[in-house]
């Protein structure tokens, strides 16, 4: 079964240093869950500006880990410039939450002993 992440860019940044790869993964696992939760809360509370900030903050990490959510994150950023209700972005939010929950589980299984 294939993973929902790709470490190609992480390995490139780490220059083959396996312990540094683990540090990068651990940083991801510390940052992304609270950011994801905060973004969800911001959307639930129709705080468009805060939702944008968390979506935008996550984008480089998602790219670095090869997580295919850039369309959804971009949609989230665009939504935050509107006054549309949360229901307008719910589909993208659901995909972000589902995918990142899976990635977090996979990374924990692969790196956290």
PDB file of N, CA and C in Angstrom:
ATOM      1  N   UNK A   1       0.842  -1.183   0.000  1.00  0.00           N
ATOM      2  CA  UNK A   1       0.000   0.000   0.000  1.00  0.00           C
ATOM      3  C   UNK A   1       0.887   1.246   0.000  1.00  0.00           C
ATOM      4  N   UNK A   2       0.598   2.200  -0.847  1.00  0.00           N
ATOM      5  CA  UNK A   2       1.429   3.391  -0.943  1.00  0.00           C
ATOM      6  C   UNK A   2       1.080   4.388   0.160  1.00  0.00           C
ATOM      7  N   UNK A   3       2.051   5.192   0.495  1.00  0.00           N
ATOM      8  CA  UNK A   3       1.902   6.202   1.543  1.00  0.00           C
ATOM      9  C   UNK A   3       1.233   7.447   0.968  1.00  0.00           C
ATOM     10  N   UNK A   4       0.677   8.238   1.854  1.00  0.00           N
ATOM     11  CA  UNK A   4       0.041   9.490   1.462  1.00  0.00           C
ATOM     12  C   UNK A   4       1.013  10.662   1.572  1.00  0.00           C
ATOM     13  N   UNK A   5       2.277  10.344   1.759  1.00  0.00           N
ATOM     14  CA  UNK A   5       3.322  11.360   1.793  1.00  0.00           C
ATOM     15  C   UNK A   5       4.513  10.853   0.992  1.00  0.00           C
ATOM     16  N   UNK A   6       5.416  11.780   0.666  1.00  0.00           N
ATOM     17  CA  UNK A   6       6.610  11.447  -0.095  1.00  0.00           C
ATOM     18  C   UNK A   6       7.772  12.220   0.525  1.00  0.00           C
ATOM     19  N   UNK A   7       8.818  11.528   0.872  1.00  0.00           N
ATOM     20  CA  UNK A   7       9.952  12.166   1.558  1.00  0.00           C
ATOM     21  C   UNK A   7      11.061  12.640   0.625  1.00  0.00           C
ATOM     22  N   UNK A   8      10.810  12.653  -0.663  1.00  0.00           N
ATOM     23  CA  UNK A   8      11.849  13.034  -1.623  1.00  0.00           C
ATOM     24  C   UNK A   8      12.455  14.403  -1.295  1.00  0.00           C
ATOM     25  N   UNK A   9      11.612  15.432  -1.087  1.00  0.00           N
ATOM     26  CA  UNK A   9      12.124  16.781  -0.782  1.00  0.00           C
ATOM     27  C   UNK A   9      12.755  16.824   0.605  1.00  0.00           C
ATOM     28  N   UNK A  10      12.189  16.095   1.543  1.00  0.00           N
ATOM     29  CA  UNK A  10      12.753  16.046   2.897  1.00  0.00           C
ATOM     30  C   UNK A  10      14.150  15.449   2.844  1.00  0.00           C
ATOM     31  N   UNK A  11      14.308  14.348   2.101  1.00  0.00           N
ATOM     32  CA  UNK A  11      15.627  13.711   1.966  1.00  0.00           C
ATOM     33  C   UNK A  11      16.627  14.659   1.298  1.00  0.00           C
ATOM     34  N   UNK A  12      16.148  15.415   0.328  1.00  0.00           N
ATOM     35  CA  UNK A  12      17.013  16.371  -0.358  1.00  0.00           C
ATOM     36  C   UNK A  12      17.496  17.451   0.622  1.00  0.00           C
ATOM     37  N   UNK A  13      16.598  17.965   1.428  1.00  0.00           N
ATOM     38  CA  UNK A  13      16.948  18.982   2.420  1.00  0.00           C
ATOM     39  C   UNK A  13      17.916  18.410   3.452  1.00  0.00           C
ATOM     40  N   UNK A  14      17.666  17.178   3.874  1.00  0.00           N
ATOM     41  CA  UNK A  14      18.487  16.539   4.911  1.00  0.00           C
ATOM     42  C   UNK A  14      19.829  16.059   4.390  1.00  0.00           C
ATOM     43  N   UNK A  15      19.999  16.004   3.089  1.00  0.00           N
ATOM     44  CA  UNK A  15      21.270  15.581   2.516  1.00  0.00           C
ATOM     45  C   UNK A  15      21.669  14.175   2.931  1.00  0.00           C
ATOM     46  N   UNK A  16      20.663  13.308   3.087  1.00  0.00           N
ATOM     47  CA  UNK A  16      20.937  11.914   3.425  1.00  0.00           C
ATOM     48  C   UNK A  16      21.128  11.644   4.915  1.00  0.00           C
ATOM     49  N   UNK A  17      21.028  12.674   5.730  1.00  0.00           N
ATOM     50  CA  UNK A  17      21.183  12.526   7.183  1.00  0.00           C
ATOM     51  C   UNK A  17      19.866  12.001   7.768  1.00  0.00           C
ATOM     52  N   UNK A  18      19.835  10.700   8.061  1.00  0.00           N
ATOM     53  CA  UNK A  18      18.600  10.056   8.538  1.00  0.00           C
ATOM     54  C   UNK A  18      18.097  10.647   9.851  1.00  0.00           C
ATOM     55  N   UNK A  19      19.008  11.021  10.729  1.00  0.00           N
ATOM     56  CA  UNK A  19      18.561  11.593  12.011  1.00  0.00           C
ATOM     57  C   UNK A  19      17.912  12.963  11.787  1.00  0.00           C
ATOM     58  N   UNK A  20      18.394  13.715  10.802  1.00  0.00           N
ATOM     59  CA  UNK A  20      17.782  15.011  10.490  1.00  0.00           C
ATOM     60  C   UNK A  20      16.405  14.819   9.854  1.00  0.00           C
ATOM     61  N   UNK A  21      16.257  13.779   9.051  1.00  0.00           N
ATOM     62  CA  UNK A  21      14.946  13.454   8.478  1.00  0.00           C
ATOM     63  C   UNK A  21      13.954  13.209   9.612  1.00  0.00           C
ATOM     64  N   UNK A  22      14.380  12.470  10.614  1.00  0.00           N
ATOM     65  CA  UNK A  22      13.513  12.201  11.766  1.00  0.00           C
ATOM     66  C   UNK A  22      13.149  13.492  12.483  1.00  0.00           C
ATOM     67  N   UNK A  23      14.090  14.407  12.612  1.00  0.00           N
ATOM     68  CA  UNK A  23      13.821  15.701  13.251  1.00  0.00           C
ATOM     69  C   UNK A  23      12.767  16.475  12.455  1.00  0.00           C
ATOM     70  N   UNK A  24      12.889  16.477  11.141  1.00  0.00           N
ATOM     71  CA  UNK A  24      11.924  17.176  10.287  1.00  0.00           C
ATOM     72  C   UNK A  24      10.540  16.539  10.432  1.00  0.00           C
ATOM     73  N   UNK A  25      10.489  15.217  10.437  1.00  0.00           N
ATOM     74  CA  UNK A  25       9.213  14.503  10.611  1.00  0.00           C
ATOM     75  C   UNK A  25       8.610  14.839  11.973  1.00  0.00           C
ATOM     76  N   UNK A  26       9.424  14.825  13.018  1.00  0.00           N
ATOM     77  CA  UNK A  26       8.922  15.146  14.358  1.00  0.00           C
ATOM     78  C   UNK A  26       8.376  16.574  14.418  1.00  0.00           C
ATOM     79  N   UNK A  27       9.041  17.504  13.751  1.00  0.00           N
ATOM     80  CA  UNK A  27       8.564  18.892  13.710  1.00  0.00           C
ATOM     81  C   UNK A  27       7.200  18.955  13.013  1.00  0.00           C
ATOM     82  N   UNK A  28       7.064  18.226  11.915  1.00  0.00           N
ATOM     83  CA  UNK A  28       5.789  18.153  11.194  1.00  0.00           C
ATOM     84  C   UNK A  28       4.703  17.622  12.127  1.00  0.00           C
ATOM     85  N   UNK A  29       5.016  16.556  12.850  1.00  0.00           N
ATOM     86  CA  UNK A  29       4.040  15.929  13.738  1.00  0.00           C
ATOM     87  C   UNK A  29       3.684  16.818  14.934  1.00  0.00           C
ATOM     88  N   UNK A  30       4.549  17.727  15.288  1.00  0.00           N
ATOM     89  CA  UNK A  30       4.246  18.665  16.371  1.00  0.00           C
ATOM     90  C   UNK A  30       3.444  19.865  15.876  1.00  0.00           C
ATOM     91  N   UNK A  31       3.715  20.318  14.662  1.00  0.00           N
ATOM     92  CA  UNK A  31       3.088  21.531  14.139  1.00  0.00           C
ATOM     93  C   UNK A  31       1.734  21.303  13.480  1.00  0.00           C
ATOM     94  N   UNK A  32       1.628  20.284  12.657  1.00  0.00           N
ATOM     95  CA  UNK A  32       0.442  20.140  11.820  1.00  0.00           C
ATOM     96  C   UNK A  32      -0.836  19.822  12.614  1.00  0.00           C
ATOM     97  N   UNK A  33      -0.845  18.891  13.558  1.00  0.00           N
ATOM     98  CA  UNK A  33      -2.118  18.609  14.255  1.00  0.00           C
ATOM     99  C   UNK A  33      -2.763  19.833  14.920  1.00  0.00           C
ATOM    100  N   UNK A  34      -2.007  20.648  15.693  1.00  0.00           N
ATOM    101  CA  UNK A  34      -2.667  21.824  16.273  1.00  0.00           C
ATOM    102  C   UNK A  34      -3.072  22.866  15.226  1.00  0.00           C
ATOM    103  N   UNK A  35      -2.273  23.007  14.167  1.00  0.00           N
ATOM    104  CA  UNK A  35      -2.641  23.937  13.095  1.00  0.00           C
ATOM    105  C   UNK A  35      -3.913  23.483  12.395  1.00  0.00           C
ATOM    106  N   UNK A  36      -4.022  22.194  12.166  1.00  0.00           N
ATOM    107  CA  UNK A  36      -5.221  21.641  11.528  1.00  0.00           C
ATOM    108  C   UNK A  36      -6.444  21.878  12.418  1.00  0.00           C
ATOM    109  N   UNK A  37      -6.297  21.610  13.689  1.00  0.00           N
ATOM    110  CA  UNK A  37      -7.406  21.821  14.624  1.00  0.00           C
ATOM    111  C   UNK A  37      -7.788  23.303  14.679  1.00  0.00           C
ATOM    112  N   UNK A  38      -6.808  24.173  14.715  1.00  0.00           N
ATOM    113  CA  UNK A  38      -7.084  25.616  14.743  1.00  0.00           C
ATOM    114  C   UNK A  38      -7.772  26.078  13.468  1.00  0.00           C
ATOM    115  N   UNK A  39      -7.356  25.537  12.329  1.00  0.00           N
ATOM    116  CA  UNK A  39      -8.006  25.893  11.069  1.00  0.00           C
ATOM    117  C   UNK A  39      -9.464  25.440  11.075  1.00  0.00           C
ATOM    118  N   UNK A  40      -9.719  24.224  11.569  1.00  0.00           N
ATOM    119  CA  UNK A  40     -11.087  23.720  11.652  1.00  0.00           C
ATOM    120  C   UNK A  40     -11.938  24.625  12.548  1.00  0.00           C
ATOM    121  N   UNK A  41     -11.401  25.010  13.688  1.00  0.00           N
ATOM    122  CA  UNK A  41     -12.133  25.895  14.600  1.00  0.00           C
ATOM    123  C   UNK A  41     -12.406  27.252  13.963  1.00  0.00           C
ATOM    124  N   UNK A  42     -11.416  27.779  13.270  1.00  0.00           N
ATOM    125  CA  UNK A  42     -11.587  29.061  12.594  1.00  0.00           C
ATOM    126  C   UNK A  42     -12.715  28.980  11.569  1.00  0.00           C
ATOM    127  N   UNK A  43     -12.778  27.893  10.834  1.00  0.00           N
ATOM    128  CA  UNK A  43     -13.831  27.726   9.832  1.00  0.00           C
ATOM    129  C   UNK A  43     -15.186  27.583  10.515  1.00  0.00           C
ATOM    130  N   UNK A  44     -15.250  26.757  11.566  1.00  0.00           N
ATOM    131  CA  UNK A  44     -16.502  26.592  12.311  1.00  0.00           C
ATOM    132  C   UNK A  44     -17.022  27.922  12.844  1.00  0.00           C
ATOM    133  N   UNK A  45     -16.101  28.812  13.233  1.00  0.00           N
ATOM    134  CA  UNK A  45     -16.474  30.109  13.795  1.00  0.00           C
ATOM    135  C   UNK A  45     -16.514  31.224  12.748  1.00  0.00           C
ATOM    136  N   UNK A  46     -16.444  30.840  11.479  1.00  0.00           N
ATOM    137  CA  UNK A  46     -16.456  31.795  10.359  1.00  0.00           C
ATOM    138  C   UNK A  46     -15.386  32.876  10.502  1.00  0.00           C
ATOM    139  N   UNK A  47     -14.246  32.487  11.039  1.00  0.00           N
ATOM    140  CA  UNK A  47     -13.123  33.400  11.150  1.00  0.00           C
ATOM    141  C   UNK A  47     -12.243  33.198   9.910  1.00  0.00           C
ATOM    142  N   UNK A  48     -12.636  33.848   8.835  1.00  0.00           N
ATOM    143  CA  UNK A  48     -11.978  33.677   7.541  1.00  0.00           C
ATOM    144  C   UNK A  48     -10.488  34.005   7.586  1.00  0.00           C
ATOM    145  N   UNK A  49     -10.149  35.090   8.279  1.00  0.00           N
ATOM    146  CA  UNK A  49      -8.755  35.525   8.340  1.00  0.00           C
ATOM    147  C   UNK A  49      -7.883  34.468   9.032  1.00  0.00           C
ATOM    148  N   UNK A  50      -8.372  33.936  10.141  1.00  0.00           N
ATOM    149  CA  UNK A  50      -7.610  32.926  10.880  1.00  0.00           C
ATOM    150  C   UNK A  50      -7.505  31.628  10.063  1.00  0.00           C
ATOM    151  N   UNK A  51      -8.566  31.244   9.393  1.00  0.00           N
ATOM    152  CA  UNK A  51      -8.540  30.044   8.541  1.00  0.00           C
ATOM    153  C   UNK A  51      -7.465  30.207   7.467  1.00  0.00           C
ATOM    154  N   UNK A  52      -7.404  31.397   6.869  1.00  0.00           N
ATOM    155  CA  UNK A  52      -6.383  31.671   5.851  1.00  0.00           C
ATOM    156  C   UNK A  52      -4.986  31.506   6.447  1.00  0.00           C
ATOM    157  N   UNK A  53      -4.772  32.087   7.623  1.00  0.00           N
ATOM    158  CA  UNK A  53      -3.445  32.054   8.225  1.00  0.00           C
ATOM    159  C   UNK A  53      -2.968  30.618   8.467  1.00  0.00           C
ATOM    160  N   UNK A  54      -3.848  29.764   8.973  1.00  0.00           N
ATOM    161  CA  UNK A  54      -3.436  28.388   9.236  1.00  0.00           C
ATOM    162  C   UNK A  54      -3.270  27.588   7.945  1.00  0.00           C
ATOM    163  N   UNK A  55      -4.144  27.809   6.978  1.00  0.00           N
ATOM    164  CA  UNK A  55      -4.004  27.118   5.691  1.00  0.00           C
ATOM    165  C   UNK A  55      -2.685  27.520   5.034  1.00  0.00           C
ATOM    166  N   UNK A  56      -2.407  28.813   5.050  1.00  0.00           N
ATOM    167  CA  UNK A  56      -1.193  29.323   4.428  1.00  0.00           C
ATOM    168  C   UNK A  56       0.052  28.814   5.165  1.00  0.00           C
ATOM    169  N   UNK A  57      -0.021  28.733   6.477  1.00  0.00           N
ATOM    170  CA  UNK A  57       1.107  28.252   7.280  1.00  0.00           C
ATOM    171  C   UNK A  57       1.419  26.783   6.985  1.00  0.00           C
ATOM    172  N   UNK A  58       0.399  25.989   6.721  1.00  0.00           N
ATOM    173  CA  UNK A  58       0.601  24.560   6.466  1.00  0.00           C
ATOM    174  C   UNK A  58       1.154  24.271   5.076  1.00  0.00           C
ATOM    175  N   UNK A  59       0.913  25.163   4.143  1.00  0.00           N
ATOM    176  CA  UNK A  59       1.251  24.907   2.739  1.00  0.00           C
ATOM    177  C   UNK A  59       2.695  24.470   2.495  1.00  0.00           C
ATOM    178  N   UNK A  60       3.719  25.136   3.042  1.00  0.00           N
ATOM    179  CA  UNK A  60       5.098  24.687   2.779  1.00  0.00           C
ATOM    180  C   UNK A  60       5.376  23.269   3.292  1.00  0.00           C
ATOM    181  N   UNK A  61       4.826  22.935   4.459  1.00  0.00           N
ATOM    182  CA  UNK A  61       5.021  21.582   4.994  1.00  0.00           C
ATOM    183  C   UNK A  61       4.357  20.532   4.110  1.00  0.00           C
ATOM    184  N   UNK A  62       3.174  20.843   3.619  1.00  0.00           N
ATOM    185  CA  UNK A  62       2.476  19.892   2.752  1.00  0.00           C
ATOM    186  C   UNK A  62       3.271  19.666   1.471  1.00  0.00           C
ATOM    187  N   UNK A  63       3.817  20.747   0.937  1.00  0.00           N
ATOM    188  CA  UNK A  63       4.635  20.642  -0.268  1.00  0.00           C
ATOM    189  C   UNK A  63       5.908  19.839   0.011  1.00  0.00           C
ATOM    190  N   UNK A  64       6.573  20.135   1.131  1.00  0.00           N
ATOM    191  CA  UNK A  64       7.824  19.451   1.463  1.00  0.00           C
ATOM    192  C   UNK A  64       7.608  17.944   1.640  1.00  0.00           C
ATOM    193  N   UNK A  65       6.436  17.551   2.156  1.00  0.00           N
ATOM    194  CA  UNK A  65       6.138  16.138   2.384  1.00  0.00           C
ATOM    195  C   UNK A  65       5.374  15.504   1.224  1.00  0.00           C
ATOM    196  N   UNK A  66       5.259  16.229   0.111  1.00  0.00           N
ATOM    197  CA  UNK A  66       4.621  15.675  -1.080  1.00  0.00           C
ATOM    198  C   UNK A  66       3.168  15.280  -0.867  1.00  0.00           C
ATOM    199  N   UNK A  67       2.465  16.025  -0.023  1.00  0.00           N
ATOM    200  CA  UNK A  67       1.069  15.718   0.288  1.00  0.00           C
ATOM    201  C   UNK A  67       0.190  16.480  -0.680  1.00  0.00           C
ATOM    202  N   UNK A  68      -0.609  15.749  -1.430  1.00  0.00           N
ATOM    203  CA  UNK A  68      -1.396  16.311  -2.520  1.00  0.00           C
ATOM    204  C   UNK A  68      -2.653  17.018  -2.016  1.00  0.00           C
ATOM    205  N   UNK A  69      -2.454  18.209  -1.432  1.00  0.00           N
ATOM    206  CA  UNK A  69      -3.590  18.992  -0.940  1.00  0.00           C
ATOM    207  C   UNK A  69      -3.511  20.456  -1.379  1.00  0.00           C
ATOM    208  N   UNK A  70      -2.632  20.762  -2.312  1.00  0.00           N
ATOM    209  CA  UNK A  70      -2.447  22.165  -2.690  1.00  0.00           C
ATOM    210  C   UNK A  70      -3.714  22.787  -3.267  1.00  0.00           C
ATOM    211  N   UNK A  71      -4.480  22.017  -4.028  1.00  0.00           N
ATOM    212  CA  UNK A  71      -5.745  22.541  -4.564  1.00  0.00           C
ATOM    213  C   UNK A  71      -6.698  22.913  -3.437  1.00  0.00           C
ATOM    214  N   UNK A  72      -6.786  22.028  -2.444  1.00  0.00           N
ATOM    215  CA  UNK A  72      -7.696  22.266  -1.327  1.00  0.00           C
ATOM    216  C   UNK A  72      -7.233  23.451  -0.475  1.00  0.00           C
ATOM    217  N   UNK A  73      -5.934  23.549  -0.242  1.00  0.00           N
ATOM    218  CA  UNK A  73      -5.389  24.669   0.544  1.00  0.00           C
ATOM    219  C   UNK A  73      -5.597  25.981  -0.214  1.00  0.00           C
ATOM    220  N   UNK A  74      -5.381  25.970  -1.515  1.00  0.00           N
ATOM    221  CA  UNK A  74      -5.611  27.178  -2.327  1.00  0.00           C
ATOM    222  C   UNK A  74      -7.084  27.583  -2.284  1.00  0.00           C
ATOM    223  N   UNK A  75      -7.962  26.597  -2.358  1.00  0.00           N
ATOM    224  CA  UNK A  75      -9.404  26.883  -2.270  1.00  0.00           C
ATOM    225  C   UNK A  75      -9.736  27.499  -0.912  1.00  0.00           C
ATOM    226  N   UNK A  76      -9.093  26.981   0.134  1.00  0.00           N
ATOM    227  CA  UNK A  76      -9.295  27.507   1.483  1.00  0.00           C
ATOM    228  C   UNK A  76      -8.831  28.957   1.560  1.00  0.00           C
ATOM    229  N   UNK A  77      -7.683  29.244   0.989  1.00  0.00           N
ATOM    230  CA  UNK A  77      -7.164  30.614   0.986  1.00  0.00           C
ATOM    231  C   UNK A  77      -8.102  31.543   0.223  1.00  0.00           C
ATOM    232  N   UNK A  78      -8.607  31.094  -0.915  1.00  0.00           N
ATOM    233  CA  UNK A  78      -9.538  31.916  -1.698  1.00  0.00           C
ATOM    234  C   UNK A  78     -10.853  32.118  -0.943  1.00  0.00           C
ATOM    235  N   UNK A  79     -11.347  31.053  -0.298  1.00  0.00           N
ATOM    236  CA  UNK A  79     -12.580  31.151   0.475  1.00  0.00           C
ATOM    237  C   UNK A  79     -12.457  32.217   1.562  1.00  0.00           C
ATOM    238  N   UNK A  80     -11.289  32.294   2.161  1.00  0.00           N
ATOM    239  CA  UNK A  80     -11.118  33.217   3.275  1.00  0.00           C
ATOM    240  C   UNK A  80     -11.186  34.681   2.838  1.00  0.00           C
ATOM    241  N   UNK A  81     -11.095  34.944   1.533  1.00  0.00           N
ATOM    242  CA  UNK A  81     -11.257  36.304   1.016  1.00  0.00           C
ATOM    243  C   UNK A  81     -12.723  36.640   0.746  1.00  0.00           C
ATOM    244  N   UNK A  82     -13.602  35.693   1.010  1.00  0.00           N
ATOM    245  CA  UNK A  82     -15.029  35.891   0.762  1.00  0.00           C
ATOM    246  C   UNK A  82     -15.772  35.971   2.095  1.00  0.00           C
ATOM    247  N   UNK A  83     -17.056  36.143   2.001  1.00  0.00           N
ATOM    248  CA  UNK A  83     -17.908  36.099   3.189  1.00  0.00           C
ATOM    249  C   UNK A  83     -18.858  34.921   3.089  1.00  0.00           C
ATOM    250  N   UNK A  84     -18.459  33.917   2.335  1.00  0.00           N
ATOM    251  CA  UNK A  84     -19.299  32.732   2.153  1.00  0.00           C
ATOM    252  C   UNK A  84     -19.284  31.879   3.415  1.00  0.00           C
ATOM    253  N   UNK A  85     -20.348  31.114   3.625  1.00  0.00           N
ATOM    254  CA  UNK A  85     -20.410  30.262   4.825  1.00  0.00           C
ATOM    255  C   UNK A  85     -19.438  29.080   4.740  1.00  0.00           C
ATOM    256  N   UNK A  86     -19.195  28.465   5.884  1.00  0.00           N
ATOM    257  CA  UNK A  86     -18.282  27.326   5.974  1.00  0.00           C
ATOM    258  C   UNK A  86     -18.719  26.186   5.061  1.00  0.00           C
ATOM    259  N   UNK A  87     -20.015  26.041   4.842  1.00  0.00           N
ATOM    260  CA  UNK A  87     -20.510  24.957   3.990  1.00  0.00           C
ATOM    261  C   UNK A  87     -19.928  25.041   2.579  1.00  0.00           C
ATOM    262  N   UNK A  88     -19.526  26.232   2.174  1.00  0.00           N
ATOM    263  CA  UNK A  88     -18.965  26.426   0.835  1.00  0.00           C
ATOM    264  C   UNK A  88     -17.591  25.765   0.686  1.00  0.00           C
ATOM    265  N   UNK A  89     -16.890  25.560   1.807  1.00  0.00           N
ATOM    266  CA  UNK A  89     -15.529  25.007   1.774  1.00  0.00           C
ATOM    267  C   UNK A  89     -15.459  23.640   2.464  1.00  0.00           C
ATOM    268  N   UNK A  90     -16.582  23.114   2.911  1.00  0.00           N
ATOM    269  CA  UNK A  90     -16.610  21.892   3.713  1.00  0.00           C
ATOM    270  C   UNK A  90     -15.980  20.694   3.002  1.00  0.00           C
ATOM    271  N   UNK A  91     -16.243  20.541   1.725  1.00  0.00           N
ATOM    272  CA  UNK A  91     -15.700  19.410   0.967  1.00  0.00           C
ATOM    273  C   UNK A  91     -14.162  19.424   0.999  1.00  0.00           C
ATOM    274  N   UNK A  92     -13.586  20.588   0.782  1.00  0.00           N
ATOM    275  CA  UNK A  92     -12.128  20.710   0.798  1.00  0.00           C
ATOM    276  C   UNK A  92     -11.587  20.483   2.214  1.00  0.00           C
ATOM    277  N   UNK A  93     -12.281  21.022   3.203  1.00  0.00           N
ATOM    278  CA  UNK A  93     -11.856  20.823   4.591  1.00  0.00           C
ATOM    279  C   UNK A  93     -11.874  19.341   4.946  1.00  0.00           C
ATOM    280  N   UNK A  94     -12.923  18.643   4.553  1.00  0.00           N
ATOM    281  CA  UNK A  94     -13.018  17.216   4.837  1.00  0.00           C
ATOM    282  C   UNK A  94     -11.850  16.456   4.223  1.00  0.00           C
ATOM    283  N   UNK A  95     -11.478  16.796   2.996  1.00  0.00           N
ATOM    284  CA  UNK A  95     -10.359  16.125   2.339  1.00  0.00           C
ATOM    285  C   UNK A  95      -9.047  16.429   3.051  1.00  0.00           C
ATOM    286  N   UNK A  96      -8.860  17.681   3.465  1.00  0.00           N
ATOM    287  CA  UNK A  96      -7.646  18.073   4.187  1.00  0.00           C
ATOM    288  C   UNK A  96      -7.548  17.285   5.492  1.00  0.00           C
ATOM    289  N   UNK A  97      -8.637  17.251   6.246  1.00  0.00           N
ATOM    290  CA  UNK A  97      -8.641  16.564   7.549  1.00  0.00           C
ATOM    291  C   UNK A  97      -8.386  15.069   7.364  1.00  0.00           C
ATOM    292  N   UNK A  98      -9.086  14.452   6.432  1.00  0.00           N
ATOM    293  CA  UNK A  98      -8.932  13.016   6.203  1.00  0.00           C
ATOM    294  C   UNK A  98      -7.512  12.666   5.772  1.00  0.00           C
ATOM    295  N   UNK A  99      -6.994  13.409   4.819  1.00  0.00           N
ATOM    296  CA  UNK A  99      -5.650  13.135   4.305  1.00  0.00           C
ATOM    297  C   UNK A  99      -4.592  13.357   5.379  1.00  0.00           C
ATOM    298  N   UNK A 100      -4.670  14.475   6.091  1.00  0.00           N
ATOM    299  CA  UNK A 100      -3.648  14.763   7.101  1.00  0.00           C
ATOM    300  C   UNK A 100      -3.735  13.808   8.283  1.00  0.00           C
ATOM    301  N   UNK A 101      -4.917  13.376   8.641  1.00  0.00           N
ATOM    302  CA  UNK A 101      -5.055  12.390   9.708  1.00  0.00           C
ATOM    303  C   UNK A 101      -4.353  11.094   9.305  1.00  0.00           C
ATOM    304  N   UNK A 102      -4.514  10.695   8.054  1.00  0.00           N
ATOM    305  CA  UNK A 102      -3.854   9.493   7.543  1.00  0.00           C
ATOM    306  C   UNK A 102      -2.341   9.675   7.519  1.00  0.00           C
ATOM    307  N   UNK A 103      -1.876  10.819   7.029  1.00  0.00           N
ATOM    308  CA  UNK A 103      -0.433  11.089   6.957  1.00  0.00           C
ATOM    309  C   UNK A 103       0.181  11.082   8.352  1.00  0.00           C
ATOM    310  N   UNK A 104      -0.482  11.698   9.297  1.00  0.00           N
ATOM    311  CA  UNK A 104       0.025  11.747  10.671  1.00  0.00           C
ATOM    312  C   UNK A 104       0.166  10.326  11.221  1.00  0.00           C
ATOM    313  N   UNK A 105      -0.829   9.500  10.987  1.00  0.00           N
ATOM    314  CA  UNK A 105      -0.769   8.100  11.434  1.00  0.00           C
ATOM    315  C   UNK A 105       0.396   7.367  10.774  1.00  0.00           C
ATOM    316  N   UNK A 106       0.533   7.536   9.461  1.00  0.00           N
ATOM    317  CA  UNK A 106       1.603   6.859   8.729  1.00  0.00           C
ATOM    318  C   UNK A 106       2.980   7.296   9.223  1.00  0.00           C
ATOM    319  N   UNK A 107       3.162   8.599   9.414  1.00  0.00           N
ATOM    320  CA  UNK A 107       4.451   9.107   9.878  1.00  0.00           C
ATOM    321  C   UNK A 107       4.764   8.615  11.293  1.00  0.00           C
ATOM    322  N   UNK A 108       3.756   8.575  12.141  1.00  0.00           N
ATOM    323  CA  UNK A 108       3.975   8.057  13.501  1.00  0.00           C
ATOM    324  C   UNK A 108       4.384   6.596  13.450  1.00  0.00           C
ATOM    325  N   UNK A 109       3.725   5.817  12.628  1.00  0.00           N
ATOM    326  CA  UNK A 109       4.062   4.397  12.492  1.00  0.00           C
ATOM    327  C   UNK A 109       5.471   4.209  11.924  1.00  0.00           C
ATOM    328  N   UNK A 110       5.854   5.065  10.979  1.00  0.00           N
ATOM    329  CA  UNK A 110       7.136   4.915  10.298  1.00  0.00           C
ATOM    330  C   UNK A 110       8.333   5.503  11.069  1.00  0.00           C
ATOM    331  N   UNK A 111       8.084   6.495  11.927  1.00  0.00           N
ATOM    332  CA  UNK A 111       9.209   7.206  12.542  1.00  0.00           C
ATOM    333  C   UNK A 111       9.219   7.208  14.058  1.00  0.00           C
ATOM    334  N   UNK A 112       8.092   7.104  14.687  1.00  0.00           N
ATOM    335  CA  UNK A 112       8.047   7.206  16.143  1.00  0.00           C
ATOM    336  C   UNK A 112       8.062   5.812  16.736  1.00  0.00           C
ATOM    337  N   UNK A 113       9.082   5.523  17.458  1.00  0.00           N
ATOM    338  CA  UNK A 113       9.252   4.181  18.026  1.00  0.00           C
ATOM    339  C   UNK A 113       8.761   4.145  19.454  1.00  0.00           C
TER     340      UNK A 113
END
